[in-house]
Protein backbone atom coordinates (compact mmCIF):
# COMPACT_ATOMS: atom_id res chain seq x y z
CA MET A 1 88.85 -53.82 -74.17
CA GLN A 2 87.90 -56.25 -71.06
CA VAL A 3 90.10 -54.28 -68.72
CA ARG A 4 89.59 -50.70 -70.16
CA LYS A 5 85.52 -50.18 -69.82
CA SER A 6 86.29 -51.96 -65.69
CA ILE A 7 88.78 -48.94 -65.44
CA GLY A 8 86.46 -45.83 -67.36
CA TYR A 9 83.72 -47.62 -64.89
CA LEU A 10 85.04 -47.84 -61.87
CA ALA A 11 86.87 -43.92 -62.29
CA GLY A 12 83.21 -42.91 -62.67
CA ILE A 13 82.07 -44.73 -59.84
CA ILE A 14 84.25 -42.59 -57.91
CA SER A 15 84.48 -39.55 -59.31
CA ILE A 16 80.71 -39.65 -58.38
CA THR A 17 81.60 -40.81 -54.89
CA PHE A 18 83.93 -38.05 -54.41
CA PHE A 19 81.11 -35.17 -55.52
CA ILE A 20 78.49 -37.09 -53.54
CA ILE A 21 81.53 -36.89 -50.36
CA ILE A 22 82.45 -33.29 -51.52
CA LEU A 23 78.02 -31.93 -51.73
CA VAL A 24 77.46 -33.13 -48.65
CA SER A 25 80.72 -31.80 -46.70
CA SER A 26 79.60 -28.18 -48.40
CA LEU A 27 76.20 -29.15 -46.82
CA ILE A 28 77.77 -29.63 -43.84
CA SER A 29 80.12 -26.37 -43.57
CA SER A 30 77.00 -24.16 -44.30
CA THR A 31 75.07 -25.12 -41.96
CA ALA A 32 76.52 -25.91 -38.91
CA LYS A 33 77.62 -22.86 -36.61
CA PRO A 34 80.46 -23.35 -33.63
CA ALA A 35 78.79 -24.26 -30.79
CA PHE A 36 80.39 -21.38 -28.43
CA SER A 37 79.18 -19.06 -31.84
CA GLN A 38 76.28 -20.05 -31.49
CA SER A 39 74.79 -19.12 -28.32
CA LEU A 40 77.40 -15.62 -26.53
CA SER A 41 75.27 -13.00 -25.65
CA TRP A 42 76.49 -9.55 -23.65
CA VAL A 43 72.79 -9.27 -21.29
CA PRO A 44 73.31 -5.18 -19.29
CA ALA A 45 73.73 -6.26 -16.27
CA ASN A 46 72.59 -2.81 -14.10
CA GLY A 47 74.59 -3.47 -11.35
CA ARG A 48 73.89 -7.32 -10.79
CA PHE A 49 76.07 -10.13 -10.14
CA CYS A 50 76.50 -11.77 -13.54
CA GLU A 51 75.09 -15.54 -12.88
CA ARG A 52 71.72 -14.06 -11.52
CA VAL A 53 71.74 -11.83 -14.96
CA CYS A 54 72.14 -14.90 -17.16
CA ARG A 55 70.41 -16.77 -15.27
CA ASP A 56 67.24 -14.95 -15.48
CA ALA A 57 67.78 -14.17 -19.56
CA GLY A 58 67.61 -18.45 -19.95
CA LYS A 59 71.38 -18.96 -20.07
CA THR A 60 74.15 -19.87 -18.15
CA ALA A 61 77.03 -17.01 -17.57
CA VAL A 62 80.50 -18.11 -18.55
CA SER A 63 82.87 -18.47 -16.55
CA SER A 64 86.86 -17.78 -16.64
CA GLY A 65 87.72 -19.55 -13.09
CA PHE A 66 88.12 -20.34 -9.88
CA TYR A 67 89.05 -17.16 -7.43
CA SER A 68 90.74 -19.27 -4.30
CA ASN A 69 87.44 -18.27 -2.05
CA GLY A 70 86.79 -20.77 -4.60
CA ASN A 71 83.70 -18.69 -6.07
CA GLU A 72 83.37 -18.30 -9.94
CA PHE A 73 84.95 -15.65 -11.73
CA TYR A 74 82.05 -14.81 -14.72
CA VAL A 75 83.13 -13.05 -17.54
CA CYS A 76 81.75 -8.93 -17.57
CA SER A 77 82.79 -6.23 -20.29
CA THR A 78 82.77 -2.47 -19.37
CA ASN A 79 83.81 0.72 -20.81
CA ALA A 80 86.43 2.06 -18.70
CA GLY A 81 87.47 5.68 -18.77
CA GLY A 82 85.31 6.25 -22.09
CA GLU A 83 88.04 4.33 -23.50
CA GLY A 84 86.85 1.33 -25.21
CA PHE A 85 84.84 -2.11 -23.62
CA ARG A 86 87.23 -4.29 -21.93
CA PRO A 87 86.89 -7.43 -20.30
CA GLY A 88 86.48 -7.70 -16.91
CA PHE A 89 85.40 -9.74 -13.70
CA ASN A 90 82.15 -10.16 -11.93
CA LEU A 91 82.83 -12.29 -8.09
CA LEU A 92 80.89 -12.68 -5.28
CA PRO A 93 81.03 -11.73 -3.03
CA ILE A 94 82.75 -8.21 -3.23
CA TRP A 95 82.90 -7.66 -6.41
CA SER A 96 79.28 -9.15 -7.52
CA THR A 97 77.81 -6.03 -7.84
CA THR A 98 80.73 -4.18 -10.20
CA CYS A 99 82.88 -5.27 -13.50
CA THR A 100 86.99 -5.00 -12.30
CA VAL A 101 88.64 -4.32 -15.39
CA GLY A 102 92.00 -3.16 -15.53
CA TYR A 103 92.29 0.32 -16.31
CA GLY A 104 95.90 2.47 -16.42
CA ASN A 105 98.78 0.48 -14.17
CA ASP A 106 95.51 -0.69 -11.95
CA SER A 107 92.51 -2.00 -11.26
CA ILE A 108 88.77 -0.08 -11.61
CA SER A 109 85.13 -1.92 -10.81
CA VAL A 110 82.14 -0.14 -12.90
CA SER A 111 78.49 -0.43 -11.70
CA SER A 112 77.60 -0.42 -15.76
CA TYR A 113 78.27 -3.17 -17.12
CA ASN A 114 77.32 -6.24 -19.32
CA CYS A 115 78.01 -10.01 -18.65
CA LEU A 116 78.81 -12.86 -21.09
CA CYS A 117 76.29 -15.30 -20.72
CA GLN A 118 75.79 -18.45 -23.64
């Protein structure tokens, strides 16, 4: 009889513990968002360098890597040929006022674009 009461008491404590863990986990997962998705936004560049555009917006330009000259490739997007927005790069010094994207079998530089900022 004593063993049954102990097992029942232990099962009750385990059930309550799991309930609390599940409740806390669901609260955390419903309010938490991945850090990268909270602050990404496209900011119109109007022919300006992405690093400056994002800084003026109080953000940081998103970089996708470095060019051989040591400058960063900044992520931009443009509607090349009116066929829909596609990602490209914005790079000092030569391509700092355009977004260069793949188009057909080539690449083109477009002066109307958005910069990805975080």
